[in-house]
Amino acid sequence: MVNIIVELSKYLIIILIIMYTYLCFAIFGYHDAERKQALLRRQNTFMFLFHLTAFLVLYLEKDDIRIAGLYLAQVLLFILTIFLYTKLYPRVSRLVVNNMCMLLCVGLVMLTRLDYGTAMKQFVFAAAGIALSLVVPVIIRRVKGLSRLKLLYAGAGMVSLAVVAVLGQVSYGARLGFSIGGVSIQPSELVKIIFVFFVAASLKESTQFKHVVITTVVAALHVLILVISTDLGAALIIFVVYLVMLYVATRQPLYMLAGLGAGSLASVAGYYLFGHVRTRVNVWRDPFATYDSGGYQVAQSLFAIGTGSWFGMGLCQGSPESIPVRDSDFIFSAIAEELGLVFALCLILIFVSCYIMFLNIAMQLHDQFYKLVALGLGTCYIFQVFLNIGGVIKFIPSTGVTLPLISYGGSSMLSTLIMFAIIQGLYILREDEEESIERRKKEQQKLRAQKRRRPAQEAAGKSVHDPAGEKRAQSAGKERKKEKAGSKQRVR
């Protein structure tokens, strides 16, 4: 009986993710608010059905009562997240909230499949991150001087990275962060957000050549410190984010070409300077030829994806334990093996749906600072997705970055949730701007209507009550009477 349920659940999960993904894009075609809300509620239904089906299979396969408790705690977290976001911020982007919860849901399901203890830690990170993220939109909306803190952003970012470069612990050949009380802290995850705010503030201040050079030097220092720490994944993300923001702010293709040229030279230099970079490039070329000297991870990842095929092996039916670093860097391979390539492709489309919303918000904001912040955060988010999945499927060399909201990691979880919360704050600002524009339009329409009515009233012989005008007319009449009286006296 259990085998039948597991086999049927595999197809039910695929149907649910397809329907959810379809609504991510179909909703853009509707303009009626009530219709949109109905589709968004339907999305939540599909998400909770997927969550229930997956945890039912996990409970039947593992026969662990703790899984039932973790499931109920996650359901409560998702319900509270949706409720609090929509009640505290009525103008919030519900699609972004839904996608955030769906990605968390997929990650927690897969981590529970891999290891209960890891899933429990990730749940705690998610709950703490969501609690913190609920405060962020208020800060974005109320604090008006964020664009004037350029020096603070630059100093905080470089100092944090420098401390890690000097004192950080080495992990997989790179100095990534510290471990406090058994919890690993990776400052570069939060520095990416601070860096976006620095670039946005700097480019809003001026886009003249001299100022651009200064901004580029500070950005290069961020990248250089990360290279010294051999955290090349974060360095690449910051480099690409800066190039995109610089091009959008200046509209100068020459800056983009110069940046790409410098990046290409830096990549070649990195290949010859760092041994683990050469290893990853050789693995990317042929992971099977280098199986015993670094290619094991990518080879096992490709085996897992191929084994899962289109519809997957089913939850708890595959062998994701054979994939190295399966709970963080290579979790996409584990998902593809057990849930299938159809599910994995839908997951990619959900990421893309979030990015489209980020771009939509950036394009509609009028303030240059907030526009660049939205663009920078969106680029940071989608490029990290590209680096993770591209490395897993051997499209590009592996860079060791996590898959946002799905991979295990407290720092990554916290930074991504803050990123989503900032975007929500910017979405609310955009709604405020549109309301202000509509209010000004209505006021202008009233003034124009009043101007059109005045000539018509005068032509019809209707007087407009004007106390000041009446006083001026009375005084002018008195003056004329005095002049007439004076002229009569002179004639006499």
Protein backbone atom coordinates (compact mmCIF):
# COMPACT_ATOMS: atom_id res chain seq x y z
CA MET A 1 0.00 0.00 0.00
CA VAL A 2 2.83 2.38 0.89
CA ASN A 3 4.50 1.70 -2.47
CA ILE A 4 1.30 2.61 -4.31
CA ILE A 5 0.95 5.86 -2.37
CA VAL A 6 4.58 6.78 -3.04
CA GLU A 7 4.23 6.06 -6.76
CA LEU A 8 0.99 8.04 -7.12
CA SER A 9 2.36 10.91 -5.03
CA LYS A 10 5.21 11.32 -7.53
CA TYR A 11 2.79 12.29 -10.29
CA LEU A 12 0.52 14.31 -8.00
CA ILE A 13 3.50 16.41 -6.88
CA ILE A 14 4.44 17.09 -10.51
CA ILE A 15 0.87 18.13 -11.39
CA LEU A 16 0.71 20.48 -8.40
CA ILE A 17 4.04 22.17 -9.20
CA ILE A 18 3.03 22.59 -12.86
CA MET A 19 -0.25 24.26 -11.88
CA TYR A 20 1.48 26.49 -9.35
CA THR A 21 4.12 27.53 -11.90
CA TYR A 22 1.49 28.24 -14.55
CA LEU A 23 -0.26 30.68 -12.21
CA CYS A 24 3.08 32.47 -11.56
CA PHE A 25 2.97 33.73 -15.14
CA ALA A 26 -0.77 33.65 -15.91
CA ILE A 27 -1.42 36.23 -13.21
CA PHE A 28 0.44 38.90 -15.22
CA GLY A 29 -2.32 38.75 -17.82
CA TYR A 30 -5.07 39.83 -15.42
CA HIS A 31 -5.78 43.40 -14.32
CA ASP A 32 -8.87 42.80 -12.20
CA ALA A 33 -7.85 42.86 -8.52
CA GLU A 34 -10.44 40.31 -7.38
CA ARG A 35 -9.44 37.88 -10.11
CA LYS A 36 -5.79 38.22 -9.16
CA GLN A 37 -6.55 37.55 -5.51
CA ALA A 38 -8.48 34.42 -6.46
CA LEU A 39 -5.50 33.12 -8.47
CA LEU A 40 -3.10 33.92 -5.64
CA ARG A 41 -5.27 32.01 -3.16
CA ARG A 42 -5.33 29.09 -5.60
CA GLN A 43 -1.54 29.18 -5.63
CA ASN A 44 -1.52 28.80 -1.86
CA THR A 45 -3.83 25.82 -2.17
CA PHE A 46 -1.45 24.09 -4.58
CA MET A 47 1.50 24.85 -2.29
CA PHE A 48 -0.14 23.40 0.82
CA LEU A 49 -1.30 20.31 -1.11
CA PHE A 50 2.25 19.73 -2.35
CA HIS A 51 3.56 20.19 1.20
CA LEU A 52 1.01 17.75 2.63
CA THR A 53 1.65 15.11 -0.05
CA ALA A 54 5.42 15.29 0.35
CA PHE A 55 5.35 15.03 4.14
CA LEU A 56 2.83 12.20 4.04
CA VAL A 57 5.29 10.22 1.91
CA LEU A 58 8.20 11.16 4.19
CA TYR A 59 6.26 10.03 7.26
CA LEU A 60 5.23 6.73 5.68
CA GLU A 61 8.77 5.98 4.51
CA LYS A 62 10.67 7.04 7.62
CA ASP A 63 8.01 6.20 10.24
CA ASP A 64 9.24 9.02 12.49
CA ILE A 65 6.66 10.96 14.51
CA ARG A 66 9.00 13.95 14.63
CA ILE A 67 8.33 14.47 10.91
CA ALA A 68 4.62 15.02 11.66
CA GLY A 69 5.54 17.63 14.28
CA LEU A 70 7.91 19.40 11.89
CA TYR A 71 5.20 19.39 9.21
CA LEU A 72 2.68 21.11 11.52
CA ALA A 73 5.28 23.67 12.59
CA GLN A 74 6.04 24.48 8.94
CA VAL A 75 2.34 24.82 8.06
CA LEU A 76 1.94 27.27 10.95
CA LEU A 77 4.98 29.23 9.78
CA PHE A 78 3.67 29.53 6.20
CA ILE A 79 0.17 30.55 7.33
CA LEU A 80 1.56 33.19 9.70
CA THR A 81 3.93 34.50 7.01
CA ILE A 82 1.15 34.98 4.46
CA PHE A 83 -1.25 36.41 7.04
CA LEU A 84 1.19 38.86 8.65
CA TYR A 85 2.59 40.13 5.35
CA THR A 86 -0.86 40.77 3.90
CA LYS A 87 -2.28 42.31 7.09
CA LEU A 88 0.69 44.45 8.07
CA TYR A 89 1.28 45.58 4.49
CA PRO A 90 -1.96 45.52 2.47
CA ARG A 91 -0.08 46.78 -0.60
CA VAL A 92 2.50 44.01 -0.49
CA SER A 93 3.20 41.91 -3.62
CA ARG A 94 1.33 38.71 -2.83
CA LEU A 95 3.03 36.86 -5.71
CA VAL A 96 6.46 37.50 -4.18
CA VAL A 97 5.18 36.27 -0.79
CA ASN A 98 3.75 33.13 -2.38
CA ASN A 99 6.94 32.34 -4.28
CA MET A 100 9.06 32.94 -1.20
CA CYS A 101 6.94 30.46 0.78
CA MET A 102 6.93 27.94 -2.08
CA LEU A 103 10.72 27.96 -2.38
CA LEU A 104 11.04 27.57 1.39
CA CYS A 105 8.56 24.71 1.22
CA VAL A 106 10.54 22.84 -1.45
CA GLY A 107 13.80 23.34 0.44
CA LEU A 108 12.39 22.14 3.76
CA VAL A 109 10.82 19.08 2.12
CA MET A 110 14.11 18.05 0.52
CA LEU A 111 16.18 18.75 3.63
CA THR A 112 13.75 16.68 5.73
CA ARG A 113 14.22 13.86 3.23
CA LEU A 114 18.01 14.12 3.57
CA ASP A 115 18.37 14.66 7.31
CA TYR A 116 15.85 15.59 10.01
CA GLY A 117 18.39 17.50 12.13
CA THR A 118 19.47 19.67 9.19
CA ALA A 119 15.84 20.38 8.30
CA MET A 120 15.08 21.39 11.88
CA LYS A 121 17.97 23.88 11.90
CA GLN A 122 16.86 25.27 8.56
CA PHE A 123 13.33 25.71 9.91
CA VAL A 124 14.67 27.74 12.84
CA PHE A 125 16.73 29.89 10.46
CA ALA A 126 13.67 30.44 8.27
CA ALA A 127 11.43 31.40 11.21
CA ALA A 128 14.02 33.86 12.56
CA GLY A 129 14.62 35.31 9.10
CA ILE A 130 10.91 35.82 8.42
CA ALA A 131 10.42 37.50 11.81
CA LEU A 132 13.26 39.90 10.99
CA SER A 133 12.08 40.47 7.42
CA LEU A 134 8.68 41.68 8.60
CA VAL A 135 10.36 44.80 10.00
CA VAL A 136 12.37 45.63 6.86
CA PRO A 137 9.53 47.09 4.71
CA VAL A 138 8.78 49.61 7.46
CA ILE A 139 12.42 50.76 7.44
CA ILE A 140 12.46 51.07 3.65
CA ARG A 141 9.22 53.05 3.65
CA ARG A 142 9.84 55.33 6.64
CA VAL A 143 13.57 56.06 6.62
CA LYS A 144 14.18 58.74 3.99
CA GLY A 145 17.96 59.14 4.29
CA LEU A 146 19.12 55.73 3.07
CA SER A 147 20.63 57.22 -0.08
CA ARG A 148 22.90 59.48 1.99
CA LEU A 149 24.73 56.65 3.84
CA LYS A 150 27.18 55.84 1.05
CA LEU A 151 30.29 55.96 3.24
CA LEU A 152 28.68 53.79 5.90
CA TYR A 153 27.81 51.12 3.32
CA ALA A 154 31.33 51.13 1.85
CA GLY A 155 33.05 51.00 5.24
CA ALA A 156 30.83 48.29 6.70
CA GLY A 157 31.21 46.09 3.63
CA MET A 158 34.98 46.30 3.33
CA VAL A 159 35.63 45.94 7.08
CA SER A 160 33.42 42.84 7.30
CA LEU A 161 35.13 41.18 4.35
CA ALA A 162 38.60 42.16 5.61
CA VAL A 163 37.96 40.58 9.03
CA VAL A 164 36.90 37.34 7.33
CA ALA A 165 39.96 37.42 5.06
CA VAL A 166 42.25 37.66 8.10
CA LEU A 167 40.46 35.62 10.77
CA GLY A 168 37.88 33.50 8.93
CA GLN A 169 37.85 29.70 8.93
CA VAL A 170 38.86 27.86 5.78
CA SER A 171 36.15 25.74 4.15
CA TYR A 172 36.61 24.01 0.78
CA GLY A 173 39.71 26.10 0.11
CA ALA A 174 38.10 29.47 0.91
CA ARG A 175 37.80 31.70 3.97
CA LEU A 176 34.03 32.05 4.18
CA GLY A 177 33.21 33.04 7.75
CA PHE A 178 33.16 32.12 11.43
CA SER A 179 31.56 29.47 13.58
CA ILE A 180 29.90 30.70 16.79
CA GLY A 181 28.17 28.17 19.03
CA GLY A 182 28.09 25.60 16.26
CA VAL A 183 26.40 28.08 13.89
CA SER A 184 28.37 29.16 10.82
CA ILE A 185 28.18 32.87 9.96
CA GLN A 186 29.13 33.97 6.44
CA PRO A 187 29.33 37.79 6.32
CA SER A 188 29.71 37.91 2.52
CA GLU A 189 26.02 36.96 2.17
CA LEU A 190 24.94 40.15 3.93
CA VAL A 191 27.72 42.24 2.38
CA LYS A 192 26.15 41.61 -1.05
CA ILE A 193 23.07 43.56 0.10
CA ILE A 194 25.15 46.36 1.65
CA PHE A 195 27.20 46.58 -1.54
CA VAL A 196 24.07 47.07 -3.65
CA PHE A 197 23.01 49.96 -1.41
CA PHE A 198 26.49 51.52 -1.69
CA VAL A 199 26.52 51.39 -5.49
CA ALA A 200 22.95 52.72 -5.73
CA ALA A 201 23.74 55.62 -3.39
CA SER A 202 26.99 56.45 -5.17
CA LEU A 203 25.55 56.36 -8.70
CA LYS A 204 22.53 58.40 -7.65
CA GLU A 205 24.87 61.11 -6.36
CA SER A 206 26.67 61.43 -9.70
CA THR A 207 27.44 59.50 -12.88
CA GLN A 208 30.28 61.74 -14.05
CA PHE A 209 33.49 59.99 -15.08
CA LYS A 210 35.49 61.06 -12.02
CA HIS A 211 32.79 59.83 -9.66
CA VAL A 212 32.38 56.57 -11.57
CA VAL A 213 36.12 55.92 -11.21
CA ILE A 214 35.92 56.38 -7.43
CA THR A 215 32.91 54.06 -7.20
CA THR A 216 34.70 51.48 -9.35
CA VAL A 217 37.78 51.57 -7.11
CA VAL A 218 35.66 50.88 -4.00
CA ALA A 219 33.83 48.06 -5.82
CA ALA A 220 37.17 46.62 -6.95
CA LEU A 221 38.37 46.62 -3.32
CA HIS A 222 35.34 44.52 -2.35
CA VAL A 223 36.13 42.04 -5.12
CA LEU A 224 39.85 42.01 -4.29
CA ILE A 225 39.24 41.20 -0.61
CA LEU A 226 36.96 38.33 -1.62
CA VAL A 227 39.59 37.05 -4.06
CA ILE A 228 42.20 37.14 -1.28
CA SER A 229 39.76 35.09 0.82
CA THR A 230 39.39 32.82 -2.26
CA ASP A 231 35.61 33.26 -2.01
CA LEU A 232 35.42 33.53 -5.78
CA GLY A 233 31.69 32.82 -6.05
CA ALA A 234 30.78 35.89 -3.99
CA ALA A 235 33.44 37.94 -5.83
CA LEU A 236 31.89 37.01 -9.17
CA ILE A 237 28.38 37.93 -7.97
CA ILE A 238 29.50 41.36 -6.73
CA PHE A 239 31.42 41.98 -9.97
CA VAL A 240 28.42 41.18 -12.19
CA VAL A 241 25.99 43.15 -10.00
CA TYR A 242 28.22 46.23 -10.22
CA LEU A 243 28.52 45.99 -14.00
CA VAL A 244 24.75 45.76 -14.46
CA MET A 245 24.02 48.64 -12.08
CA LEU A 246 26.74 50.81 -13.65
CA TYR A 247 25.43 50.26 -17.16
CA VAL A 248 21.81 50.99 -16.21
CA ALA A 249 22.79 54.16 -14.33
CA THR A 250 25.12 55.57 -17.01
CA ARG A 251 23.84 54.00 -20.27
CA GLN A 252 27.48 53.79 -21.41
CA PRO A 253 28.29 50.55 -23.29
CA LEU A 254 31.99 51.41 -23.01
CA TYR A 255 31.88 50.84 -19.24
CA MET A 256 30.29 47.43 -19.77
CA LEU A 257 32.89 46.43 -22.37
CA ALA A 258 35.74 47.62 -20.15
CA GLY A 259 34.30 45.67 -17.23
CA LEU A 260 33.93 42.49 -19.26
CA GLY A 261 37.50 42.84 -20.49
CA ALA A 262 38.82 43.32 -16.96
CA GLY A 263 36.74 40.38 -15.76
CA SER A 264 38.11 38.12 -18.48
CA LEU A 265 41.71 39.04 -17.58
CA ALA A 266 40.96 38.46 -13.89
CA SER A 267 39.51 35.03 -14.68
CA VAL A 268 42.65 34.01 -16.55
CA ALA A 269 44.81 35.31 -13.68
CA GLY A 270 42.68 33.40 -11.17
CA TYR A 271 43.14 30.20 -13.15
CA TYR A 272 46.92 30.42 -12.86
CA LEU A 273 47.03 31.81 -9.31
CA PHE A 274 44.62 29.46 -7.50
CA GLY A 275 44.96 25.71 -7.59
CA HIS A 276 41.35 24.97 -6.68
CA VAL A 277 40.20 27.21 -9.57
CA ARG A 278 42.25 25.09 -11.98
CA THR A 279 40.75 21.97 -10.45
CA ARG A 280 37.20 23.22 -10.95
CA VAL A 281 37.88 24.22 -14.54
CA ASN A 282 39.39 20.79 -15.27
CA VAL A 283 36.40 19.14 -13.63
CA TRP A 284 34.07 21.24 -15.77
CA ARG A 285 35.87 20.12 -18.91
CA ASP A 286 35.59 16.41 -18.09
CA PRO A 287 34.38 15.37 -14.62
CA PHE A 288 34.73 11.67 -15.40
CA ALA A 289 38.37 11.94 -16.46
CA THR A 290 39.12 13.77 -13.19
CA TYR A 291 36.82 11.57 -11.07
CA ASP A 292 39.46 10.84 -8.42
CA SER A 293 40.95 14.34 -8.37
CA GLY A 294 37.94 16.60 -7.84
CA GLY A 295 35.43 15.43 -10.43
CA TYR A 296 33.54 13.18 -8.03
CA GLN A 297 31.01 15.84 -7.02
CA VAL A 298 29.96 16.90 -10.52
CA ALA A 299 29.99 13.30 -11.80
CA GLN A 300 27.66 12.14 -9.01
CA SER A 301 25.46 15.17 -9.64
CA LEU A 302 25.11 14.25 -13.32
CA PHE A 303 24.42 10.62 -12.42
CA ALA A 304 21.63 11.70 -10.05
CA ILE A 305 19.99 14.01 -12.61
CA GLY A 306 20.15 11.32 -15.28
CA THR A 307 18.74 8.70 -12.94
CA GLY A 308 15.75 10.87 -12.02
CA SER A 309 14.80 11.45 -15.66
CA TRP A 310 11.59 13.45 -16.33
CA PHE A 311 9.40 12.26 -13.46
CA GLY A 312 11.92 11.33 -10.78
CA MET A 313 12.42 8.24 -8.64
CA GLY A 314 9.96 9.46 -6.00
CA LEU A 315 10.65 10.78 -2.51
CA CYS A 316 12.90 8.43 -0.54
CA GLN A 317 13.32 6.20 -3.61
CA GLY A 318 16.60 7.62 -4.93
CA SER A 319 20.15 7.73 -3.58
CA PRO A 320 20.93 11.40 -2.94
CA GLU A 321 23.28 10.31 -0.15
CA SER A 322 25.87 9.59 -2.84
CA ILE A 323 25.94 13.27 -3.88
CA PRO A 324 28.59 15.28 -1.99
CA VAL A 325 27.44 18.51 -0.29
CA ARG A 326 23.88 17.48 -1.20
CA ASP A 327 22.22 19.72 1.40
CA SER A 328 23.75 22.97 0.13
CA ASP A 329 25.70 23.32 -3.13
CA PHE A 330 24.21 20.27 -4.89
CA ILE A 331 20.68 20.16 -3.51
CA PHE A 332 19.29 20.79 -7.00
CA SER A 333 20.69 17.40 -8.08
CA ALA A 334 18.91 15.67 -5.20
CA ILE A 335 15.65 17.38 -6.17
CA ALA A 336 16.05 16.38 -9.82
CA GLU A 337 16.77 12.76 -8.89
CA GLU A 338 13.77 12.18 -6.62
CA LEU A 339 11.21 14.68 -7.97
CA GLY A 340 12.25 14.68 -11.64
CA LEU A 341 13.39 17.11 -14.32
CA VAL A 342 9.84 18.40 -14.85
CA PHE A 343 9.75 19.49 -11.21
CA ALA A 344 13.28 20.95 -11.50
CA LEU A 345 12.33 22.98 -14.59
CA CYS A 346 9.23 24.32 -12.83
CA LEU A 347 11.45 25.29 -9.91
CA ILE A 348 13.68 27.29 -12.27
CA LEU A 349 10.60 29.03 -13.69
CA ILE A 350 9.52 30.01 -10.17
CA PHE A 351 12.93 31.64 -9.68
CA VAL A 352 12.48 33.45 -13.00
CA SER A 353 8.99 34.60 -11.94
CA CYS A 354 10.49 36.24 -8.85
CA TYR A 355 13.12 37.96 -10.99
CA ILE A 356 10.46 39.30 -13.37
CA MET A 357 8.64 40.84 -10.41
CA PHE A 358 11.91 42.40 -9.18
CA LEU A 359 12.52 43.93 -12.61
CA ASN A 360 8.93 45.11 -12.85
CA ILE A 361 9.27 46.93 -9.55
CA ALA A 362 12.63 48.44 -10.57
CA MET A 363 11.29 49.77 -13.88
CA GLN A 364 8.26 51.43 -12.30
CA LEU A 365 10.08 53.20 -9.45
CA HIS A 366 10.78 56.90 -10.09
CA ASP A 367 13.50 57.45 -7.48
CA GLN A 368 16.87 56.55 -9.03
CA PHE A 369 18.29 55.21 -5.76
CA TYR A 370 15.45 52.76 -5.13
CA LYS A 371 15.35 51.81 -8.82
CA LEU A 372 19.02 50.80 -8.69
CA VAL A 373 18.56 48.95 -5.40
CA ALA A 374 15.75 46.83 -6.85
CA LEU A 375 17.76 46.14 -9.98
CA GLY A 376 20.91 45.25 -8.01
CA LEU A 377 19.13 42.89 -5.62
CA GLY A 378 17.29 41.21 -8.49
CA THR A 379 20.54 40.70 -10.40
CA CYS A 380 22.28 39.37 -7.30
CA TYR A 381 19.45 36.90 -6.71
CA ILE A 382 19.05 35.53 -10.25
CA PHE A 383 22.80 35.37 -10.93
CA GLN A 384 23.30 33.31 -7.78
CA VAL A 385 20.60 30.92 -9.02
CA PHE A 386 22.40 30.72 -12.36
CA LEU A 387 25.78 30.01 -10.74
CA ASN A 388 24.39 27.24 -8.53
CA ILE A 389 22.30 25.41 -11.12
CA GLY A 390 24.86 26.03 -13.89
CA GLY A 391 27.58 24.41 -11.80
CA VAL A 392 25.38 21.47 -10.84
CA ILE A 393 24.50 20.59 -14.45
CA LYS A 394 28.08 21.26 -15.72
CA PHE A 395 27.05 24.27 -17.78
CA ILE A 396 29.73 26.35 -16.03
CA PRO A 397 32.46 25.48 -13.49
CA SER A 398 31.13 25.00 -9.97
CA THR A 399 31.47 28.12 -7.81
CA GLY A 400 30.26 26.83 -4.44
CA VAL A 401 27.32 29.23 -3.99
CA THR A 402 24.00 28.13 -2.51
CA LEU A 403 20.56 27.93 -4.12
CA PRO A 404 18.53 30.77 -2.52
CA LEU A 405 15.87 29.68 0.02
CA ILE A 406 16.42 25.99 -0.81
CA SER A 407 20.00 25.11 0.13
CA TYR A 408 20.89 24.66 3.78
CA GLY A 409 22.61 27.65 5.36
CA GLY A 410 21.65 30.23 7.96
CA SER A 411 23.51 33.20 6.43
CA SER A 412 22.17 32.47 2.96
CA MET A 413 18.63 32.06 4.29
CA LEU A 414 18.77 35.28 6.29
CA SER A 415 20.26 37.38 3.48
CA THR A 416 17.75 36.10 0.91
CA LEU A 417 14.76 36.75 3.17
CA ILE A 418 16.03 40.27 3.86
CA MET A 419 16.46 40.73 0.11
CA PHE A 420 12.84 39.71 -0.49
CA ALA A 421 11.69 42.01 2.32
CA ILE A 422 13.57 44.97 0.80
CA ILE A 423 11.87 44.27 -2.52
CA GLN A 424 8.51 44.25 -0.74
CA GLY A 425 9.33 47.61 0.81
CA LEU A 426 10.20 48.98 -2.62
CA TYR A 427 6.95 47.56 -4.02
CA ILE A 428 5.03 49.44 -1.33
CA LEU A 429 6.98 52.61 -2.21
CA ARG A 430 6.01 52.14 -5.84
CA GLU A 431 2.36 51.86 -4.84
CA ASP A 432 2.72 55.05 -2.78
CA GLU A 433 4.28 56.83 -5.76
CA GLU A 434 1.44 55.75 -8.05
CA GLU A 435 -1.15 56.90 -5.53
CA SER A 436 0.58 60.29 -5.23
CA ILE A 437 0.70 60.64 -9.03
CA GLU A 438 -3.01 59.79 -9.31
CA ARG A 439 -3.84 62.32 -6.60
CA ARG A 440 -1.90 65.06 -8.41
CA LYS A 441 -3.63 64.17 -11.68
CA LYS A 442 -7.05 64.51 -10.05
CA GLU A 443 -6.13 67.86 -8.55
CA GLN A 444 -4.93 69.11 -11.94
CA GLN A 445 -8.13 67.89 -13.57
CA LYS A 446 -10.20 69.80 -11.00
CA LEU A 447 -8.21 72.98 -11.62
CA ARG A 448 -8.65 72.66 -15.38
CA ALA A 449 -12.38 72.06 -14.93
CA GLN A 450 -12.68 75.16 -12.77
CA LYS A 451 -10.86 77.25 -15.38
CA ARG A 452 -13.18 75.98 -18.08
CA ARG A 453 -16.27 76.83 -15.99
CA ARG A 454 -15.29 80.45 -15.22
CA PRO A 455 -15.61 81.84 -18.82
CA ALA A 456 -18.92 80.08 -19.21
CA GLN A 457 -20.21 81.61 -15.99
CA GLU A 458 -19.09 85.08 -17.04
CA ALA A 459 -20.71 84.71 -20.47
CA ALA A 460 -23.99 83.75 -18.83
CA GLY A 461 -23.83 86.84 -16.64
CA LYS A 462 -23.01 84.92 -13.51
CA SER A 463 -20.64 86.57 -11.15
CA VAL A 464 -18.09 84.76 -9.17
CA HIS A 465 -18.03 85.83 -5.54
CA ASP A 466 -14.72 87.60 -4.99
CA PRO A 467 -14.65 89.76 -1.79
CA ALA A 468 -11.28 91.29 -2.63
CA GLY A 469 -12.45 92.19 -6.15
CA GLU A 470 -15.64 93.81 -4.79
CA LYS A 471 -13.62 95.99 -2.42
CA ARG A 472 -11.34 97.10 -5.24
CA ALA A 473 -14.40 97.97 -7.42
CA GLN A 474 -16.00 99.99 -4.58
CA SER A 475 -12.83 101.97 -3.93
CA ALA A 476 -12.43 102.66 -7.67
CA GLY A 477 -16.04 103.97 -7.81
CA LYS A 478 -15.44 106.32 -4.89
CA GLU A 479 -12.32 107.68 -6.57
CA ARG A 480 -14.25 108.37 -9.77
CA LYS A 481 -16.98 110.23 -7.82
CA LYS A 482 -14.37 112.42 -6.11
CA GLU A 483 -12.75 113.23 -9.44
CA LYS A 484 -16.15 114.24 -10.94
CA ALA A 485 -16.97 116.44 -7.93
CA GLY A 486 -13.57 118.13 -8.18
CA SER A 487 -13.98 118.84 -11.90
CA LYS A 488 -17.41 120.38 -11.32
CA GLN A 489 -16.02 122.72 -8.67
CA ARG A 490 -13.26 123.85 -11.04
CA VAL A 491 -15.79 124.54 -13.81
CA ARG A 492 -17.85 126.66 -11.44
